[in-house]
Amino acid sequence: QVQLVESGGGLVQSGGSLTLSCEASGSMSGFYVMGWYRQSVGKQRELVAIIYSRGPTRYADAVAGRFTISRENAENTVYLQMNSLKPEDTAVYYCNYRSGDNHEYWGQGTQVTVSS
């Protein structure tokens, strides 16, 4: 089992910045993928950014160049730095962990609201 605890959501004006954090604990495998997904009202959950335990990252086209995902291995924590936020970034952001043998876990979600 892996537990994920998210923090850092909130309300920000368009053009502003926020940083989300996700701390993982429990039985983590040597190879894994962690990342962020988001879901806005009436839409399906979508990938925002992921980072592999070996380093590579991947971003959705909608956030590439504005968001940065990073990892602090010693703390088993993944961060999502979000800059130049837009109203369309408003959503519940979920942390995700997937182990090398495809066990998947989700955080409880944190609300990000960007006002215009």
Protein backbone atom coordinates (compact mmCIF):
# COMPACT_ATOMS: atom_id res chain seq x y z
CA GLN A 1 0.00 0.00 0.00
CA VAL A 2 1.08 3.53 -0.77
CA GLN A 3 -0.45 6.61 0.81
CA LEU A 4 -0.40 9.98 -0.92
CA VAL A 5 -0.94 13.28 0.85
CA GLU A 6 -1.38 16.39 -1.26
CA SER A 7 -1.12 20.01 -0.29
CA GLY A 8 -0.79 23.43 -1.85
CA GLY A 9 -4.03 24.07 -3.69
CA GLY A 10 -5.95 27.29 -3.40
CA LEU A 11 -7.29 30.35 -5.12
CA VAL A 12 -5.04 32.46 -7.33
CA GLN A 13 -5.53 35.16 -9.92
CA SER A 14 -4.89 34.57 -13.58
CA GLY A 15 -1.17 34.82 -14.27
CA GLY A 16 -0.27 33.78 -10.76
CA SER A 17 1.61 30.77 -9.43
CA LEU A 18 0.99 27.86 -7.10
CA THR A 19 3.03 24.88 -6.01
CA LEU A 20 1.43 21.54 -5.24
CA SER A 21 3.15 18.91 -3.12
CA CYS A 22 2.50 15.19 -2.84
CA GLU A 23 4.21 13.12 -0.18
CA ALA A 24 4.21 9.38 -0.65
CA SER A 25 4.62 6.81 2.11
CA GLY A 26 4.31 3.08 2.43
CA SER A 27 5.63 0.25 0.31
CA MET A 28 7.16 2.03 -2.63
CA SER A 29 8.85 0.04 -5.37
CA GLY A 30 12.24 0.82 -6.82
CA PHE A 31 10.74 1.75 -10.18
CA TYR A 32 7.63 3.89 -10.23
CA VAL A 33 5.89 6.80 -11.86
CA MET A 34 4.40 9.68 -9.91
CA GLY A 35 2.49 12.57 -11.24
CA TRP A 36 -0.46 14.86 -11.31
CA TYR A 37 -3.81 14.57 -13.00
CA ARG A 38 -6.68 17.01 -12.92
CA GLN A 39 -10.41 16.94 -13.32
CA SER A 40 -12.62 19.93 -13.91
CA VAL A 41 -16.40 20.01 -13.74
CA GLY A 42 -18.01 17.98 -16.49
CA LYS A 43 -14.72 16.67 -17.85
CA GLN A 44 -12.75 13.48 -17.57
CA ARG A 45 -9.64 13.27 -15.45
CA GLU A 46 -6.60 14.15 -17.54
CA LEU A 47 -2.87 13.87 -17.21
CA VAL A 48 -1.01 17.04 -16.25
CA ALA A 49 2.56 15.87 -15.68
CA ILE A 50 4.40 12.74 -14.62
CA ILE A 51 7.92 11.95 -13.49
CA TYR A 52 9.59 8.57 -13.57
CA SER A 53 11.70 7.30 -10.71
CA ARG A 54 14.65 7.31 -13.11
CA GLY A 55 14.12 10.95 -13.99
CA PRO A 56 12.25 11.52 -17.27
CA THR A 57 9.21 13.75 -17.25
CA ARG A 58 6.18 14.16 -19.45
CA TYR A 59 3.73 17.05 -19.71
CA ALA A 60 0.33 17.64 -21.23
CA ASP A 61 0.49 20.06 -24.14
CA ALA A 62 -1.81 22.47 -22.28
CA VAL A 63 0.70 22.99 -19.46
CA ALA A 64 4.08 22.46 -21.15
CA GLY A 65 6.30 25.47 -20.59
CA ARG A 66 4.19 26.73 -17.66
CA PHE A 67 4.26 23.82 -15.20
CA THR A 68 7.28 21.98 -13.85
CA ILE A 69 7.22 18.64 -12.07
CA SER A 70 10.08 17.71 -9.77
CA ARG A 71 10.91 15.15 -7.14
CA GLU A 72 12.66 15.12 -3.78
CA ASN A 73 13.75 11.51 -3.40
CA ALA A 74 14.81 11.74 0.22
CA GLU A 75 11.32 12.90 1.16
CA ASN A 76 9.40 10.79 -1.38
CA THR A 77 7.75 14.01 -2.43
CA VAL A 78 6.73 15.23 -5.84
CA TYR A 79 6.09 18.88 -6.58
CA LEU A 80 4.17 20.64 -9.31
CA GLN A 81 5.21 24.24 -9.83
CA MET A 82 2.45 25.98 -11.74
CA ASN A 83 3.21 29.36 -13.32
CA SER A 84 1.21 31.65 -15.58
CA LEU A 85 -2.00 30.05 -14.40
CA LYS A 86 -5.11 30.44 -16.50
CA PRO A 87 -8.79 30.10 -15.60
CA GLU A 88 -8.89 26.90 -17.63
CA ASP A 89 -6.39 25.38 -15.18
CA THR A 90 -9.14 25.40 -12.56
CA ALA A 91 -9.70 21.82 -11.45
CA VAL A 92 -9.22 19.31 -8.69
CA TYR A 93 -5.64 18.11 -8.93
CA TYR A 94 -4.89 14.52 -7.96
CA CYS A 95 -1.55 12.98 -7.14
CA ASN A 96 -0.95 9.56 -8.67
CA TYR A 97 1.53 6.80 -7.97
CA ARG A 98 1.99 3.76 -10.16
CA SER A 99 4.40 1.00 -9.20
CA GLY A 100 6.51 -1.02 -11.55
CA ASP A 101 3.98 -3.86 -11.39
CA ASN A 102 1.11 -1.46 -12.16
CA HIS A 103 -0.44 -1.00 -8.74
CA GLU A 104 -1.98 2.46 -8.78
CA TYR A 105 -2.85 4.82 -5.97
CA TRP A 106 -4.50 8.24 -5.84
CA GLY A 107 -4.43 11.13 -3.44
CA GLN A 108 -7.57 12.76 -2.14
CA GLY A 109 -7.31 15.71 -4.50
CA THR A 110 -6.67 19.38 -3.96
CA GLN A 111 -8.69 22.21 -5.48
CA VAL A 112 -6.99 24.79 -7.66
CA THR A 113 -9.10 27.76 -8.67
CA VAL A 114 -7.82 30.45 -11.02
CA SER A 115 -9.87 33.61 -11.20
CA SER A 116 -9.94 35.79 -14.29
